[in-house]
Every structure is written in C-alpha cells, then in structure tokens.
Amino acid sequence: MQQLLHPLCLALAVGGFLLLLCPPRHLRRDPALAALAGVYGFSAVSFLVSMEPVWRLLDELTGRPSTGILAAFCSVVALLALQPVVLAHWALPPDRARKHTRVSLAAGALVVLALTVLFFQLDPAGRTTPQGFTANYIHTGAYQAYLALYAVVYLIGETVLAVGCWKAARRTDQVWIARGLRVVAAGAVLTFGYSAVRLAGVGAALFDLTPPPPAAESFAWLCADGGTTLALTGFFVPTLAVHAVPQARAWRRARRDHRILTPLWDALHQAVPTIALQPARPAALPLVRNTGWHLYRRGVEIRDAQWALRHRLEESVRHTSEQRHRAAGLGGEELVAAVTADQLRAALTVHRRDGTPRTPTEYADADSRESLRTPDDDLRALLRIAAHFPTAPAEQEAVRS
C-alpha cells in the first residue's frame, strides 16, 4: 500500500511546491506562502525518501541502514511545525503570527533533535525495507520511544491543524476558502488512524499483547497518505483564492494593458527610438514573464516620448480637437485623453516633416498629471489616451508646413 500511494502523493506535493515557487519573489513578501511552500516541500521529501529505491540509495550514501526513516520522520515533523505557521499568518495579526511562528518552529526543532538522538540509539540490524522497518525494530526500547514520540507528535500536530482549519473556515466569508480549509481538516482527522495503529503497535510490544493484524499496516498508510492528500489538496484551494487567482488576474490585466498601449508606443518609438531601455520585443513573441515590469517600462517610455515631442505641439491642434470632442459629448478625463491623443498624432506628423509650430502650446493633460499620485494612476491615464490614439486624425489636424 505504501509503495502504491507514495508516488501519487509525491507527484501532488512536488506539483504544489513548484507552483508555489512561481514567482519566487512572492515568498519573500508573504510568510504564509513561504511556510506553505515548505509544507509541500517537506511533504515531497518525506514521500521520496520512503520509496524503496531512494531508501536503498540513502543507505549506501550514509553507510547506515534505514537512514530514510529518520529523513522521513524529520520531514514530517518539519511540515507539522509549518502548518500552524500558515494558519497563524492567515488568521492572526502580524505580531501574534510571528510569535506563533517562533513557538511552532522551536517545538519542531526540539522534536527533530530528539528523534535524531533516538535514531542513533538503534542498533543497525542490516538492510531493511520501508515496509519492514517497524516490524524489525518494534521490540527494541529505543525504537518504541522513537515511534511513540513521532506518533504522539504527529497526532498533536494534526489535531492542531484540524482545529485551526475548522475555526478559520467558520470565520471566513469566502465560500471556497472555507471549503478548502474543511478539506484540510478532514485530511488531518483521517491521519489519526495512522497514529492509532502505531501507538497500538508500541503498546502491544510494551505489554506483550497481541500485535495489530497485518491489515492494520495497510490501513495505517492509507490513513496517512489519504489524509495528506486531502490536506495538500485542501490547502491549495485557499492558496488559489488568495494568491494564485489574483496573480493570474494581474498577469492577464498587465498583458492586456501592454497590448492596448502597443500602437501608441510603436508610433512614438518610431519617432523617438531612444525612449526604449531595451531593444523592442518582436511582435510575434508573447509577453509571459515580468509582465508588470514591461508594462511599467512601456508607460515610462511613452511619457518620455511625450516629453521629447513637446516642442512639436501647435495651439490650433488643441483648440480644434477640444471643439470636436466636446461636440461629440466628451468631457472630463475622457476629453483630456482624446485631445492629448490628437496632439500626439499631430506632433508625430510635424516631427516627420521636421516642421516648427507657429504657436506652441502644452499637452491637454499637462495640468491633470499633477494629480496622478501612483504609477497605476498614470497607467490608467495612458490607457485612456491610447484608447483614443488609433482613431485620432492623422494629418488633418497636423500643423501645415
């Protein structure tokens, strides 16, 4: 059962870990996301080292039989310590969340140290398999202490997770986050079966009672792996709702805005090539990475070109454009954007002819730019200009040379 379920759980844990790493910079800004990535990462390690080929490889590398059991148990303890960290940063104020983090990580480190000390008290009895390790060592005192400590810590950790997720699910008003947290809680409760079987085995060995039947071993791994699968799946629902979906929407919005600004940027770049910080991207090459940065650069470069063409502006273009757009019913920010688009189109025409305006003027949006307090404000203003730019008259309002 163990070798059947572990590859499936390993694939889920690795997939979740890799998805949480995209992009890595978000982990530095979000402690909950970083802790959740650690949960998936340590979960993947625990499954990986418990697979028989890797188990044997560790034996050869370390020169000590069954080192995989130590790596697996310590990885599980690490993820048990990180799970409350995720919930704390999701549900508590930052100061309390940091306090819970320190306590949880310190407790996890102490348990890992105790498990390591107990493991090296075991008398190496030759090579074993992940499935046969417990049966080979269950009658030794050191392993009874080792397994009992792990099972109790595992039970406590999963109880804390189940209670924390259930409380958090009741507090949130977002349906899908509540459902995901309840799935995590259900997975945590399911793992109780693993701890029960392991503690029953230790009790039977201590008091010379009848050991659990062979089917109990399969039941234990079904509870452990099944519960972990539910927990990893459930954790991903809040992650998608809180992090992945907003990031995907922001990425898609940045690509859309970048595409809307492209005709305006292309026309300005042809006239003033020096605005580009980097060589222009081929039109056929999709914008996939660093969309926010490319969008920000595009806005800055449009403003740089606008400044470079300021001496090509003609008063008559602005006056005529304002009359025409007012007659069409435009006003406020839309009127300013439409007139600015007409001025840019006319300035490009003058620039190509190398003409000199008879009556210089300012851009229609010159005054309103003072009220743009953030890059997002400026981006929205540029998008309004770009929306009017493709339909702006090209030649008829240009300065007559």
Protein backbone atom coordinates (compact mmCIF):
# COMPACT_ATOMS: atom_id res chain seq x y z
CA MET A 1 0.00 0.00 0.00
CA GLN A 2 2.80 2.37 0.94
CA GLN A 3 4.69 1.99 -2.34
CA LEU A 4 1.44 2.36 -4.29
CA LEU A 5 0.24 5.56 -2.61
CA HIS A 6 3.59 7.32 -2.13
CA PRO A 7 4.26 8.09 -5.84
CA LEU A 8 0.81 9.68 -6.18
CA CYS A 9 1.32 11.78 -3.05
CA LEU A 10 4.84 12.66 -4.16
CA ALA A 11 3.55 13.95 -7.51
CA LEU A 12 0.93 16.09 -5.76
CA ALA A 13 3.44 17.52 -3.27
CA VAL A 14 6.06 18.28 -5.93
CA GLY A 15 3.47 19.87 -8.20
CA GLY A 16 2.17 22.09 -5.42
CA PHE A 17 5.70 23.05 -4.37
CA LEU A 18 6.69 24.08 -7.89
CA LEU A 19 3.51 26.08 -8.39
CA LEU A 20 4.07 27.95 -5.14
CA LEU A 21 7.58 28.87 -6.28
CA CYS A 22 6.21 30.85 -9.27
CA PRO A 23 7.37 33.55 -8.88
CA PRO A 24 9.85 33.11 -6.01
CA ARG A 25 9.84 36.80 -5.03
CA HIS A 26 6.32 36.43 -3.61
CA LEU A 27 7.65 34.05 -0.95
CA ARG A 28 9.87 36.81 0.48
CA ARG A 29 6.89 39.12 0.90
CA ASP A 30 4.37 36.56 2.18
CA PRO A 31 5.37 34.41 5.20
CA ALA A 32 2.22 32.28 4.90
CA LEU A 33 3.02 31.43 1.29
CA ALA A 34 6.64 30.65 2.17
CA ALA A 35 5.53 28.38 5.02
CA LEU A 36 3.03 26.63 2.76
CA ALA A 37 5.76 26.05 0.17
CA GLY A 38 7.77 24.47 2.98
CA VAL A 39 4.81 22.21 3.84
CA TYR A 40 4.66 20.96 0.26
CA GLY A 41 8.45 20.68 0.00
CA PHE A 42 8.93 18.67 3.21
CA SER A 43 5.92 16.53 2.30
CA ALA A 44 7.59 15.71 -1.02
CA VAL A 45 10.83 14.81 0.77
CA SER A 46 9.02 12.52 3.23
CA PHE A 47 7.40 10.58 0.39
CA LEU A 48 10.55 10.49 -1.70
CA VAL A 49 12.86 9.03 0.95
CA SER A 50 10.24 6.39 1.87
CA MET A 51 10.29 4.91 -1.63
CA GLU A 52 12.42 1.79 -1.73
CA PRO A 53 14.96 2.82 -4.43
CA VAL A 54 15.70 6.10 -2.65
CA TRP A 55 15.74 4.31 0.72
CA ARG A 56 18.47 1.99 -0.53
CA LEU A 57 20.42 4.88 -2.07
CA LEU A 58 20.44 6.69 1.28
CA ASP A 59 21.75 3.54 2.95
CA GLU A 60 24.68 3.50 0.51
CA LEU A 61 25.39 7.22 0.80
CA THR A 62 25.31 7.39 4.61
CA GLY A 63 26.73 3.96 5.35
CA ARG A 64 23.97 3.37 7.91
CA PRO A 65 20.92 1.19 7.27
CA SER A 66 17.46 2.73 7.20
CA THR A 67 18.51 6.38 7.30
CA GLY A 68 15.40 7.02 5.22
CA ILE A 69 13.17 6.54 8.28
CA LEU A 70 14.95 9.41 10.04
CA ALA A 71 14.73 11.66 6.97
CA ALA A 72 11.04 10.82 6.51
CA PHE A 73 10.04 11.37 10.14
CA CYS A 74 12.02 14.60 10.46
CA SER A 75 10.49 15.92 7.23
CA VAL A 76 7.01 15.19 8.56
CA VAL A 77 7.79 16.93 11.84
CA ALA A 78 9.06 19.96 9.87
CA LEU A 79 5.83 20.20 7.88
CA LEU A 80 3.80 19.73 11.08
CA ALA A 81 5.65 22.73 12.52
CA LEU A 82 5.00 24.82 9.39
CA GLN A 83 1.27 24.10 9.12
CA PRO A 84 0.33 26.23 12.18
CA VAL A 85 2.57 28.98 10.76
CA VAL A 86 0.43 29.09 7.62
CA LEU A 87 -2.78 29.35 9.63
CA ALA A 88 -1.29 31.94 12.01
CA HIS A 89 -0.31 34.29 9.19
CA TRP A 90 -3.70 33.80 7.54
CA ALA A 91 -5.78 34.39 10.64
CA LEU A 92 -3.80 36.45 13.20
CA PRO A 93 -2.30 39.95 13.38
CA PRO A 94 1.37 40.05 12.27
CA ASP A 95 2.83 40.32 15.79
CA ARG A 96 0.87 37.34 17.12
CA ALA A 97 1.56 35.38 13.95
CA ARG A 98 5.31 35.90 14.38
CA LYS A 99 5.08 34.75 18.00
CA HIS A 100 3.19 31.59 16.98
CA THR A 101 5.80 31.01 14.28
CA ARG A 102 8.70 31.12 16.72
CA VAL A 103 6.97 28.75 19.15
CA SER A 104 5.96 26.27 16.45
CA LEU A 105 9.38 26.18 14.77
CA ALA A 106 11.19 25.86 18.11
CA ALA A 107 8.97 22.94 19.11
CA GLY A 108 9.56 21.28 15.75
CA ALA A 109 13.33 21.69 16.09
CA LEU A 110 13.30 20.09 19.55
CA VAL A 111 11.33 17.09 18.27
CA VAL A 112 13.69 16.66 15.31
CA LEU A 113 16.65 16.72 17.71
CA ALA A 114 15.02 14.13 19.98
CA LEU A 115 14.20 11.85 17.03
CA THR A 116 17.77 12.11 15.77
CA VAL A 117 19.22 11.17 19.16
CA LEU A 118 16.84 8.20 19.50
CA PHE A 119 17.55 7.02 15.94
CA PHE A 120 21.26 6.77 16.62
CA GLN A 121 20.49 4.68 19.71
CA LEU A 122 19.14 1.97 17.41
CA ASP A 123 21.42 -0.98 16.78
CA PRO A 124 21.80 -1.29 12.97
CA ALA A 125 20.40 -4.70 12.11
CA GLY A 126 21.26 -4.84 8.45
CA ARG A 127 19.28 -3.66 5.49
CA THR A 128 15.53 -3.32 5.80
CA THR A 129 12.74 -2.02 3.59
CA PRO A 130 10.39 0.88 4.36
CA GLN A 131 7.57 -1.66 4.83
CA GLY A 132 9.57 -3.95 7.13
CA PHE A 133 11.40 -1.44 9.32
CA THR A 134 8.78 -1.19 12.06
CA ALA A 135 8.33 -4.97 12.30
CA ASN A 136 12.11 -5.43 12.65
CA TYR A 137 12.59 -2.83 15.39
CA ILE A 138 9.29 -2.64 17.28
CA HIS A 139 10.57 -4.87 20.11
CA THR A 140 13.55 -2.61 20.91
CA GLY A 141 13.19 0.04 23.58
CA ALA A 142 14.88 2.79 21.57
CA TYR A 143 12.56 2.31 18.62
CA GLN A 144 9.49 2.10 20.85
CA ALA A 145 10.42 5.52 22.26
CA TYR A 146 11.25 6.79 18.78
CA LEU A 147 7.97 5.62 17.24
CA ALA A 148 5.84 6.65 20.24
CA LEU A 149 7.32 10.17 20.21
CA TYR A 150 6.71 10.51 16.49
CA ALA A 151 3.15 9.14 16.63
CA VAL A 152 2.19 11.41 19.54
CA VAL A 153 3.71 14.49 17.88
CA TYR A 154 2.01 13.54 14.62
CA LEU A 155 -1.33 13.19 16.41
CA ILE A 156 -0.91 16.53 18.21
CA GLY A 157 0.19 18.33 15.06
CA GLU A 158 -2.72 17.05 13.01
CA THR A 159 -5.15 17.85 15.84
CA VAL A 160 -3.88 21.44 15.94
CA LEU A 161 -4.26 21.60 12.16
CA ALA A 162 -7.79 20.20 12.18
CA VAL A 163 -8.99 22.56 14.92
CA GLY A 164 -7.25 25.57 13.39
CA CYS A 165 -8.67 24.93 9.92
CA TRP A 166 -12.17 24.35 11.25
CA LYS A 167 -12.10 27.63 13.22
CA ALA A 168 -10.64 29.55 10.27
CA ALA A 169 -13.30 28.10 7.95
CA ARG A 170 -16.05 29.36 10.28
CA ARG A 171 -14.58 32.86 10.39
CA THR A 172 -14.11 33.43 6.66
CA ASP A 173 -16.93 34.66 4.46
CA GLN A 174 -15.35 33.29 1.27
CA VAL A 175 -17.04 30.02 0.38
CA TRP A 176 -14.21 28.34 -1.49
CA ILE A 177 -11.63 29.19 1.16
CA ALA A 178 -13.93 27.72 3.83
CA ARG A 179 -14.39 24.56 1.76
CA GLY A 180 -10.66 24.18 1.22
CA LEU A 181 -9.94 24.56 4.93
CA ARG A 182 -12.59 21.98 5.79
CA VAL A 183 -10.96 19.54 3.36
CA VAL A 184 -7.65 20.12 5.14
CA ALA A 185 -9.36 19.49 8.49
CA ALA A 186 -10.89 16.26 7.17
CA GLY A 187 -7.48 15.11 5.94
CA ALA A 188 -5.93 15.88 9.32
CA VAL A 189 -8.61 13.83 11.11
CA LEU A 190 -8.07 10.92 8.69
CA THR A 191 -4.39 10.74 9.68
CA PHE A 192 -5.45 9.92 13.25
CA GLY A 193 -5.79 6.32 12.04
CA TYR A 194 -2.04 6.17 11.34
CA SER A 195 -1.15 7.37 14.84
CA ALA A 196 -3.65 4.98 16.39
CA VAL A 197 -2.14 1.96 14.62
CA ARG A 198 1.42 2.99 15.51
CA LEU A 199 0.60 3.62 19.17
CA ALA A 200 -1.31 0.32 19.33
CA GLY A 201 1.77 -1.44 17.97
CA VAL A 202 4.01 0.19 20.58
CA GLY A 203 1.54 -0.67 23.36
CA ALA A 204 1.31 -4.29 22.23
CA ALA A 205 5.12 -4.60 22.24
CA LEU A 206 5.47 -2.98 25.65
CA PHE A 207 2.83 -5.11 27.38
CA ASP A 208 3.25 -8.34 25.41
CA LEU A 209 -0.21 -8.05 23.91
CA THR A 210 -1.43 -9.34 20.57
CA PRO A 211 0.01 -7.04 17.89
CA PRO A 212 -2.31 -5.35 15.37
CA PRO A 213 -3.19 -7.64 12.41
CA PRO A 214 -1.20 -7.32 9.15
CA ALA A 215 -4.09 -5.45 7.55
CA ALA A 216 -3.54 -2.66 10.11
CA GLU A 217 -0.29 -1.72 8.34
CA SER A 218 -2.12 -1.07 5.08
CA PHE A 219 -4.81 0.82 7.00
CA ALA A 220 -2.15 3.00 8.66
CA TRP A 221 -0.58 4.03 5.36
CA LEU A 222 -3.99 4.55 3.78
CA CYS A 223 -4.88 6.96 6.58
CA ALA A 224 -1.52 8.75 6.45
CA ASP A 225 -1.29 9.11 2.68
CA GLY A 226 -5.00 9.67 2.15
CA GLY A 227 -5.10 12.32 4.88
CA THR A 228 -2.02 14.04 3.47
CA THR A 229 -3.53 14.05 0.00
CA LEU A 230 -6.68 15.71 1.30
CA ALA A 231 -4.65 18.25 3.28
CA LEU A 232 -2.41 19.18 0.33
CA THR A 233 -5.42 19.45 -1.96
CA GLY A 234 -7.41 21.48 0.54
CA PHE A 235 -4.54 23.87 1.24
CA PHE A 236 -4.33 24.66 -2.43
CA VAL A 237 -7.89 26.00 -2.60
CA PRO A 238 -7.22 28.97 -0.26
CA THR A 239 -3.86 29.42 -1.98
CA LEU A 240 -5.56 29.69 -5.36
CA ALA A 241 -8.22 32.03 -3.99
CA VAL A 242 -5.86 34.28 -2.05
CA HIS A 243 -2.70 34.20 -4.17
CA ALA A 244 -2.80 32.36 -7.48
CA VAL A 245 -6.08 33.73 -8.84
CA PRO A 246 -5.25 37.40 -8.04
CA GLN A 247 -1.77 36.90 -9.51
CA ALA A 248 -3.23 35.34 -12.65
CA ARG A 249 -5.70 38.20 -12.97
CA ALA A 250 -2.92 40.77 -12.50
CA TRP A 251 -0.78 38.97 -15.10
CA ARG A 252 -3.64 38.86 -17.58
CA ARG A 253 -4.53 42.50 -16.93
CA ALA A 254 -0.88 43.55 -17.40
CA ARG A 255 -0.73 41.70 -20.73
CA ARG A 256 -3.98 43.33 -21.85
CA ASP A 257 -2.84 46.82 -20.86
CA HIS A 258 0.55 46.24 -22.50
CA ARG A 259 -1.25 45.25 -25.71
CA ILE A 260 -3.53 48.33 -25.57
CA LEU A 261 -0.52 50.63 -25.20
CA THR A 262 1.40 48.97 -28.04
CA PRO A 263 0.02 51.03 -31.02
CA LEU A 264 0.75 54.28 -29.17
CA TRP A 265 4.18 53.09 -28.08
CA ASP A 266 5.06 51.83 -31.58
CA ALA A 267 4.24 55.18 -33.18
CA LEU A 268 6.23 57.10 -30.57
CA HIS A 269 9.14 54.65 -30.65
CA GLN A 270 9.49 55.04 -34.41
CA ALA A 271 9.81 58.79 -33.95
CA VAL A 272 11.96 58.70 -30.79
CA PRO A 273 13.84 55.35 -30.69
CA THR A 274 15.95 56.43 -27.71
CA ILE A 275 12.98 56.04 -25.33
CA ALA A 276 13.45 52.24 -25.28
CA LEU A 277 15.51 51.00 -22.34
CA GLN A 278 15.91 47.65 -24.10
CA PRO A 279 15.57 46.53 -27.73
CA ALA A 280 11.92 46.27 -28.77
CA ARG A 281 10.34 42.83 -28.33
CA PRO A 282 9.31 41.08 -31.58
CA ALA A 283 5.58 41.48 -32.11
CA ALA A 284 5.16 37.70 -32.51
CA LEU A 285 6.85 36.99 -29.15
CA PRO A 286 4.20 36.69 -26.41
CA LEU A 287 4.69 38.58 -23.18
CA VAL A 288 4.87 35.88 -20.50
CA ARG A 289 7.41 36.83 -17.82
CA ASN A 290 7.82 40.06 -15.85
CA THR A 291 4.61 41.46 -17.30
CA GLY A 292 4.33 44.12 -14.58
CA TRP A 293 7.85 45.39 -15.23
CA HIS A 294 7.35 45.51 -19.01
CA LEU A 295 4.09 47.38 -18.54
CA TYR A 296 5.73 49.88 -16.20
CA ARG A 297 8.58 50.43 -18.67
CA ARG A 298 6.13 50.92 -21.50
CA GLY A 299 4.35 53.66 -19.57
CA VAL A 300 7.61 55.41 -18.68
CA GLU A 301 8.80 55.28 -22.29
CA ILE A 302 5.53 56.74 -23.58
CA ARG A 303 5.86 59.62 -21.14
CA ASP A 304 9.49 60.12 -22.21
CA ALA A 305 8.43 60.32 -25.86
CA GLN A 306 5.62 62.70 -24.96
CA TRP A 307 8.15 64.97 -23.30
CA ALA A 308 10.54 64.72 -26.26
CA LEU A 309 7.80 65.81 -28.69
CA ARG A 310 6.53 68.69 -26.58
CA HIS A 311 8.18 71.31 -28.80
CA ARG A 312 6.18 69.99 -31.80
CA LEU A 313 2.79 70.98 -30.37
CA GLU A 314 0.55 73.54 -32.07
CA GLU A 315 -2.13 75.60 -30.34
CA SER A 316 -4.56 75.25 -33.25
CA VAL A 317 -4.50 71.44 -32.98
CA ARG A 318 -5.52 71.55 -29.33
CA HIS A 319 -8.24 74.14 -29.93
CA THR A 320 -9.75 72.25 -32.88
CA SER A 321 -9.57 68.92 -31.09
CA GLU A 322 -11.29 70.27 -27.97
CA GLN A 323 -14.14 71.72 -30.04
CA ARG A 324 -14.65 68.48 -31.96
CA HIS A 325 -14.64 66.19 -28.92
CA ARG A 326 -16.86 68.48 -26.87
CA ALA A 327 -19.33 68.45 -29.73
CA ALA A 328 -19.19 64.64 -29.59
CA GLY A 329 -20.17 64.73 -25.91
CA LEU A 330 -16.82 64.09 -24.26
CA GLY A 331 -15.84 65.80 -21.04
CA GLY A 332 -13.56 65.47 -18.03
CA GLU A 333 -10.78 62.89 -18.19
CA GLU A 334 -12.01 61.42 -21.48
CA LEU A 335 -11.90 64.83 -23.16
CA VAL A 336 -8.35 65.42 -21.88
CA ALA A 337 -7.25 61.97 -23.09
CA ALA A 338 -8.82 62.40 -26.53
CA VAL A 339 -7.26 65.83 -27.07
CA THR A 340 -3.86 64.59 -25.88
CA ALA A 341 -4.08 61.68 -28.35
CA ASP A 342 -4.84 64.13 -31.18
CA GLN A 343 -1.92 66.31 -30.12
CA LEU A 344 0.46 63.34 -30.12
CA ARG A 345 -0.66 62.26 -33.59
CA ALA A 346 -0.21 65.80 -34.91
CA ALA A 347 3.17 66.17 -33.15
CA LEU A 348 4.37 62.97 -34.83
CA THR A 349 3.38 64.37 -38.22
CA VAL A 350 5.26 67.60 -37.55
CA HIS A 351 8.24 65.60 -36.31
CA ARG A 352 8.37 63.59 -39.53
CA ARG A 353 8.29 66.82 -41.57
CA ASP A 354 10.76 68.46 -39.20
CA GLY A 355 8.46 71.44 -39.03
CA THR A 356 8.25 74.15 -36.40
CA PRO A 357 4.90 75.06 -34.75
CA ARG A 358 3.76 78.63 -35.25
CA THR A 359 2.05 78.88 -31.86
CA PRO A 360 3.48 76.36 -29.36
CA THR A 361 1.26 75.03 -26.59
CA GLU A 362 1.11 72.44 -23.80
CA TYR A 363 -0.43 68.98 -23.77
CA ALA A 364 -4.06 68.89 -22.68
CA ASP A 365 -3.15 66.50 -19.86
CA ALA A 366 -0.28 68.63 -18.52
CA ASP A 367 -2.27 70.00 -15.58
CA SER A 368 -4.05 66.75 -14.75
CA ARG A 369 -0.73 64.88 -14.49
CA GLU A 370 -0.06 66.63 -11.18
CA SER A 371 -2.97 64.71 -9.65
CA LEU A 372 -1.55 61.32 -10.69
CA ARG A 373 -0.18 60.06 -7.38
CA THR A 374 0.75 56.46 -8.23
CA PRO A 375 2.05 54.50 -11.24
CA ASP A 376 -1.40 52.91 -11.52
CA ASP A 377 -3.00 56.35 -11.83
CA ASP A 378 -0.57 57.22 -14.62
CA LEU A 379 -1.20 53.89 -16.33
CA ARG A 380 -4.95 54.47 -16.37
CA ALA A 381 -4.41 57.93 -17.85
CA LEU A 382 -2.17 56.47 -20.58
CA LEU A 383 -4.71 53.76 -21.35
CA ARG A 384 -7.35 56.45 -21.90
CA ILE A 385 -5.00 58.26 -24.29
CA ALA A 386 -4.14 55.00 -26.09
CA ALA A 387 -7.84 54.19 -26.47
CA HIS A 388 -8.31 57.41 -28.49
CA PHE A 389 -4.99 57.28 -30.33
CA PRO A 390 -5.85 54.77 -33.10
CA THR A 391 -8.86 56.86 -34.14
CA ALA A 392 -7.18 60.25 -33.83
CA PRO A 393 -6.98 62.20 -37.13
CA ALA A 394 -3.56 61.66 -38.60
CA GLU A 395 -2.99 64.52 -40.95
CA GLN A 396 -5.93 66.87 -40.95
CA GLU A 397 -5.03 68.48 -37.64
CA ALA A 398 -1.30 68.49 -38.16
CA VAL A 399 0.50 71.75 -38.44
CA ARG A 400 0.67 72.91 -42.04
CA SER A 401 4.29 73.05 -43.07
